[in-house]
Amino acid sequence: MPQLNPNPWFAIFMFSWIFFLVILPKKVMTYLFNNSPTPKSAEKPKPEPWNWPWT
């Protein structure tokens, strides 16, 4: 029965796990996000009073 021969499948299994554990994380970690989050200040900005033209 050829489906029980582990020779080609074990190599495919090992190469796929090497790819997932070694190569892919390097590619994912070098990805740069377009919008990097900036920390907000803890102080709330004071609202400006409205300048009503009819008053």
PDB file of N, CA and C in Angstrom:
ATOM      1  N   MET A   1       0.852  -1.180   0.000  1.00  0.00           N
ATOM      2  CA  MET A   1       0.000   0.000   0.000  1.00  0.00           C
ATOM      3  C   MET A   1       0.898   1.245   0.000  1.00  0.00           C
ATOM      4  N   PRO A   2       0.874   2.040  -1.038  1.00  0.00           N
ATOM      5  CA  PRO A   2       1.795   3.181  -1.136  1.00  0.00           C
ATOM      6  C   PRO A   2       1.447   4.329  -0.194  1.00  0.00           C
ATOM      7  N   GLN A   3       0.196   4.431   0.266  1.00  0.00           N
ATOM      8  CA  GLN A   3      -0.145   5.537   1.148  1.00  0.00           C
ATOM      9  C   GLN A   3       0.482   5.392   2.531  1.00  0.00           C
ATOM     10  N   LEU A   4       0.994   4.228   2.871  1.00  0.00           N
ATOM     11  CA  LEU A   4       1.643   4.040   4.165  1.00  0.00           C
ATOM     12  C   LEU A   4       3.149   4.260   4.105  1.00  0.00           C
ATOM     13  N   ASN A   5       3.677   4.588   2.940  1.00  0.00           N
ATOM     14  CA  ASN A   5       5.093   4.852   2.812  1.00  0.00           C
ATOM     15  C   ASN A   5       5.386   6.246   3.390  1.00  0.00           C
ATOM     16  N   PRO A   6       6.143   6.349   4.504  1.00  0.00           N
ATOM     17  CA  PRO A   6       6.335   7.654   5.156  1.00  0.00           C
ATOM     18  C   PRO A   6       7.416   8.519   4.519  1.00  0.00           C
ATOM     19  N   ASN A   7       8.166   7.994   3.561  1.00  0.00           N
ATOM     20  CA  ASN A   7       9.301   8.753   3.035  1.00  0.00           C
ATOM     21  C   ASN A   7       8.917  10.119   2.448  1.00  0.00           C
ATOM     22  N   PRO A   8       8.032  10.221   1.459  1.00  0.00           N
ATOM     23  CA  PRO A   8       7.774  11.572   0.936  1.00  0.00           C
ATOM     24  C   PRO A   8       6.961  12.440   1.888  1.00  0.00           C
ATOM     25  N   TRP A   9       6.046  11.829   2.649  1.00  0.00           N
ATOM     26  CA  TRP A   9       5.145  12.620   3.494  1.00  0.00           C
ATOM     27  C   TRP A   9       5.860  13.175   4.704  1.00  0.00           C
ATOM     28  N   PHE A  10       6.812  12.455   5.240  1.00  0.00           N
ATOM     29  CA  PHE A  10       7.550  12.961   6.398  1.00  0.00           C
ATOM     30  C   PHE A  10       8.404  14.153   5.997  1.00  0.00           C
ATOM     31  N   ALA A  11       9.006  14.128   4.819  1.00  0.00           N
ATOM     32  CA  ALA A  11       9.802  15.263   4.345  1.00  0.00           C
ATOM     33  C   ALA A  11       8.910  16.478   4.100  1.00  0.00           C
ATOM     34  N   ILE A  12       7.753  16.256   3.507  1.00  0.00           N
ATOM     35  CA  ILE A  12       6.811  17.363   3.298  1.00  0.00           C
ATOM     36  C   ILE A  12       6.366  17.928   4.634  1.00  0.00           C
ATOM     37  N   PHE A  13       6.094  17.070   5.591  1.00  0.00           N
ATOM     38  CA  PHE A  13       5.692  17.506   6.934  1.00  0.00           C
ATOM     39  C   PHE A  13       6.784  18.341   7.593  1.00  0.00           C
ATOM     40  N   MET A  14       8.022  17.878   7.518  1.00  0.00           N
ATOM     41  CA  MET A  14       9.126  18.599   8.154  1.00  0.00           C
ATOM     42  C   MET A  14       9.388  19.943   7.471  1.00  0.00           C
ATOM     43  N   PHE A  15       9.381  19.977   6.143  1.00  0.00           N
ATOM     44  CA  PHE A  15       9.617  21.238   5.443  1.00  0.00           C
ATOM     45  C   PHE A  15       8.499  22.242   5.699  1.00  0.00           C
ATOM     46  N   SER A  16       7.280  21.758   5.797  1.00  0.00           N
ATOM     47  CA  SER A  16       6.180  22.683   6.066  1.00  0.00           C
ATOM     48  C   SER A  16       6.289  23.257   7.479  1.00  0.00           C
ATOM     49  N   TRP A  17       6.681  22.445   8.464  1.00  0.00           N
ATOM     50  CA  TRP A  17       6.836  22.969   9.825  1.00  0.00           C
ATOM     51  C   TRP A  17       8.038  23.893   9.938  1.00  0.00           C
ATOM     52  N   ILE A  18       9.088  23.618   9.194  1.00  0.00           N
ATOM     53  CA  ILE A  18      10.232  24.548   9.181  1.00  0.00           C
ATOM     54  C   ILE A  18       9.793  25.885   8.609  1.00  0.00           C
ATOM     55  N   PHE A  19       8.995  25.838   7.554  1.00  0.00           N
ATOM     56  CA  PHE A  19       8.496  27.076   6.963  1.00  0.00           C
ATOM     57  C   PHE A  19       7.635  27.845   7.958  1.00  0.00           C
ATOM     58  N   PHE A  20       6.712  27.153   8.632  1.00  0.00           N
ATOM     59  CA  PHE A  20       5.799  27.833   9.556  1.00  0.00           C
ATOM     60  C   PHE A  20       6.497  28.351  10.804  1.00  0.00           C
ATOM     61  N   LEU A  21       7.540  27.679  11.258  1.00  0.00           N
ATOM     62  CA  LEU A  21       8.184  28.068  12.507  1.00  0.00           C
ATOM     63  C   LEU A  21       9.411  28.959  12.332  1.00  0.00           C
ATOM     64  N   VAL A  22      10.041  28.956  11.159  1.00  0.00           N
ATOM     65  CA  VAL A  22      11.281  29.715  10.983  1.00  0.00           C
ATOM     66  C   VAL A  22      11.107  30.852   9.984  1.00  0.00           C
ATOM     67  N   ILE A  23      10.604  30.559   8.809  1.00  0.00           N
ATOM     68  CA  ILE A  23      10.574  31.551   7.732  1.00  0.00           C
ATOM     69  C   ILE A  23       9.379  32.492   7.860  1.00  0.00           C
ATOM     70  N   LEU A  24       8.209  31.951   8.094  1.00  0.00           N
ATOM     71  CA  LEU A  24       7.005  32.776   8.132  1.00  0.00           C
ATOM     72  C   LEU A  24       7.013  33.811   9.255  1.00  0.00           C
ATOM     73  N   PRO A  25       7.434  33.513  10.495  1.00  0.00           N
ATOM     74  CA  PRO A  25       7.448  34.566  11.525  1.00  0.00           C
ATOM     75  C   PRO A  25       8.358  35.737  11.182  1.00  0.00           C
ATOM     76  N   LYS A  26       9.481  35.493  10.502  1.00  0.00           N
ATOM     77  CA  LYS A  26      10.354  36.595  10.099  1.00  0.00           C
ATOM     78  C   LYS A  26       9.643  37.504   9.108  1.00  0.00           C
ATOM     79  N   LYS A  27       8.900  36.909   8.184  1.00  0.00           N
ATOM     80  CA  LYS A  27       8.184  37.709   7.194  1.00  0.00           C
ATOM     81  C   LYS A  27       7.052  38.494   7.847  1.00  0.00           C
ATOM     82  N   VAL A  28       6.383  37.901   8.817  1.00  0.00           N
ATOM     83  CA  VAL A  28       5.277  38.581   9.480  1.00  0.00           C
ATOM     84  C   VAL A  28       5.793  39.706  10.372  1.00  0.00           C
ATOM     85  N   MET A  29       6.891  39.487  11.067  1.00  0.00           N
ATOM     86  CA  MET A  29       7.406  40.499  11.994  1.00  0.00           C
ATOM     87  C   MET A  29       8.028  41.691  11.272  1.00  0.00           C
ATOM     88  N   THR A  30       8.427  41.539  10.012  1.00  0.00           N
ATOM     89  CA  THR A  30       8.988  42.667   9.279  1.00  0.00           C
ATOM     90  C   THR A  30       7.912  43.495   8.589  1.00  0.00           C
ATOM     91  N   TYR A  31       6.652  43.092   8.724  1.00  0.00           N
ATOM     92  CA  TYR A  31       5.559  43.852   8.121  1.00  0.00           C
ATOM     93  C   TYR A  31       5.407  45.176   8.855  1.00  0.00           C
ATOM     94  N   LEU A  32       5.314  46.271   8.115  1.00  0.00           N
ATOM     95  CA  LEU A  32       5.157  47.598   8.700  1.00  0.00           C
ATOM     96  C   LEU A  32       3.713  48.045   8.526  1.00  0.00           C
ATOM     97  N   PHE A  33       3.137  48.530   9.594  1.00  0.00           N
ATOM     98  CA  PHE A  33       1.778  49.038   9.534  1.00  0.00           C
ATOM     99  C   PHE A  33       1.794  50.467   8.997  1.00  0.00           C
ATOM    100  N   ASN A  34       0.798  50.821   8.222  1.00  0.00           N
ATOM    101  CA  ASN A  34       0.723  52.157   7.645  1.00  0.00           C
ATOM    102  C   ASN A  34       0.456  53.214   8.704  1.00  0.00           C
ATOM    103  N   ASN A  35      -0.416  52.920   9.629  1.00  0.00           N
ATOM    104  CA  ASN A  35      -0.768  53.895  10.654  1.00  0.00           C
ATOM    105  C   ASN A  35      -0.323  53.374  12.014  1.00  0.00           C
ATOM    106  N   SER A  36       0.802  53.836  12.471  1.00  0.00           N
ATOM    107  CA  SER A  36       1.265  53.423  13.791  1.00  0.00           C
ATOM    108  C   SER A  36       0.504  54.222  14.844  1.00  0.00           C
ATOM    109  N   PRO A  37       0.021  53.582  15.879  1.00  0.00           N
ATOM    110  CA  PRO A  37      -0.772  54.291  16.880  1.00  0.00           C
ATOM    111  C   PRO A  37       0.088  55.262  17.689  1.00  0.00           C
ATOM    112  N   THR A  38      -0.463  56.431  17.934  1.00  0.00           N
ATOM    113  CA  THR A  38       0.232  57.422  18.746  1.00  0.00           C
ATOM    114  C   THR A  38      -0.469  57.521  20.095  1.00  0.00           C
ATOM    115  N   PRO A  39       0.276  57.604  21.177  1.00  0.00           N
ATOM    116  CA  PRO A  39      -0.376  57.681  22.491  1.00  0.00           C
ATOM    117  C   PRO A  39      -1.072  59.023  22.684  1.00  0.00           C
ATOM    118  N   LYS A  40      -2.256  58.972  23.255  1.00  0.00           N
ATOM    119  CA  LYS A  40      -3.006  60.193  23.532  1.00  0.00           C
ATOM    120  C   LYS A  40      -2.576  60.748  24.880  1.00  0.00           C
ATOM    121  N   SER A  41      -2.676  62.038  25.013  1.00  0.00           N
ATOM    122  CA  SER A  41      -2.336  62.639  26.296  1.00  0.00           C
ATOM    123  C   SER A  41      -3.484  62.404  27.281  1.00  0.00           C
ATOM    124  N   ALA A  42      -3.144  62.323  28.554  1.00  0.00           N
ATOM    125  CA  ALA A  42      -4.148  62.069  29.579  1.00  0.00           C
ATOM    126  C   ALA A  42      -4.961  63.328  29.872  1.00  0.00           C
ATOM    127  N   GLU A  43      -4.443  64.496  29.506  1.00  0.00           N
ATOM    128  CA  GLU A  43      -5.132  65.749  29.771  1.00  0.00           C
ATOM    129  C   GLU A  43      -6.167  66.014  28.692  1.00  0.00           C
ATOM    130  N   LYS A  44      -7.393  66.339  29.116  1.00  0.00           N
ATOM    131  CA  LYS A  44      -8.456  66.628  28.150  1.00  0.00           C
ATOM    132  C   LYS A  44      -8.282  68.043  27.628  1.00  0.00           C
ATOM    133  N   PRO A  45      -8.458  68.236  26.336  1.00  0.00           N
ATOM    134  CA  PRO A  45      -8.368  69.607  25.814  1.00  0.00           C
ATOM    135  C   PRO A  45      -9.576  70.429  26.253  1.00  0.00           C
ATOM    136  N   LYS A  46      -9.327  71.693  26.581  1.00  0.00           N
ATOM    137  CA  LYS A  46     -10.404  72.575  27.017  1.00  0.00           C
ATOM    138  C   LYS A  46     -11.174  73.043  25.788  1.00  0.00           C
ATOM    139  N   PRO A  47     -12.511  72.924  25.786  1.00  0.00           N
ATOM    140  CA  PRO A  47     -13.262  73.331  24.595  1.00  0.00           C
ATOM    141  C   PRO A  47     -13.267  74.865  24.457  1.00  0.00           C
ATOM    142  N   GLU A  48     -13.192  75.299  23.222  1.00  0.00           N
ATOM    143  CA  GLU A  48     -13.239  76.732  22.940  1.00  0.00           C
ATOM    144  C   GLU A  48     -14.699  77.189  22.967  1.00  0.00           C
ATOM    145  N   PRO A  49     -14.989  78.377  23.523  1.00  0.00           N
ATOM    146  CA  PRO A  49     -16.374  78.868  23.468  1.00  0.00           C
ATOM    147  C   PRO A  49     -16.745  79.243  22.036  1.00  0.00           C
ATOM    148  N   TRP A  50     -18.016  79.016  21.719  1.00  0.00           N
ATOM    149  CA  TRP A  50     -18.473  79.309  20.368  1.00  0.00           C
ATOM    150  C   TRP A  50     -18.640  80.806  20.194  1.00  0.00           C
ATOM    151  N   ASN A  51     -18.299  81.282  19.057  1.00  0.00           N
ATOM    152  CA  ASN A  51     -18.458  82.682  18.732  1.00  0.00           C
ATOM    153  C   ASN A  51     -19.706  82.840  17.875  1.00  0.00           C
ATOM    154  N   TRP A  52     -20.850  83.151  18.535  1.00  0.00           N
ATOM    155  CA  TRP A  52     -22.120  83.273  17.806  1.00  0.00           C
ATOM    156  C   TRP A  52     -22.168  84.627  17.122  1.00  0.00           C
ATOM    157  N   PRO A  53     -22.451  84.656  15.826  1.00  0.00           N
ATOM    158  CA  PRO A  53     -22.450  85.930  15.114  1.00  0.00           C
ATOM    159  C   PRO A  53     -23.641  86.828  15.472  1.00  0.00           C
ATOM    160  N   TRP A  54     -24.734  86.320  16.031  1.00  0.00           N
ATOM    161  CA  TRP A  54     -25.916  87.152  16.291  1.00  0.00           C
ATOM    162  C   TRP A  54     -25.990  87.636  17.733  1.00  0.00           C
ATOM    163  N   THR A  55     -24.954  87.361  18.531  1.00  0.00           N
ATOM    164  CA  THR A  55     -25.016  87.853  19.911  1.00  0.00           C
ATOM    165  C   THR A  55     -24.152  89.062  20.096  1.00  0.00           C
TER     166      THR A  55
END
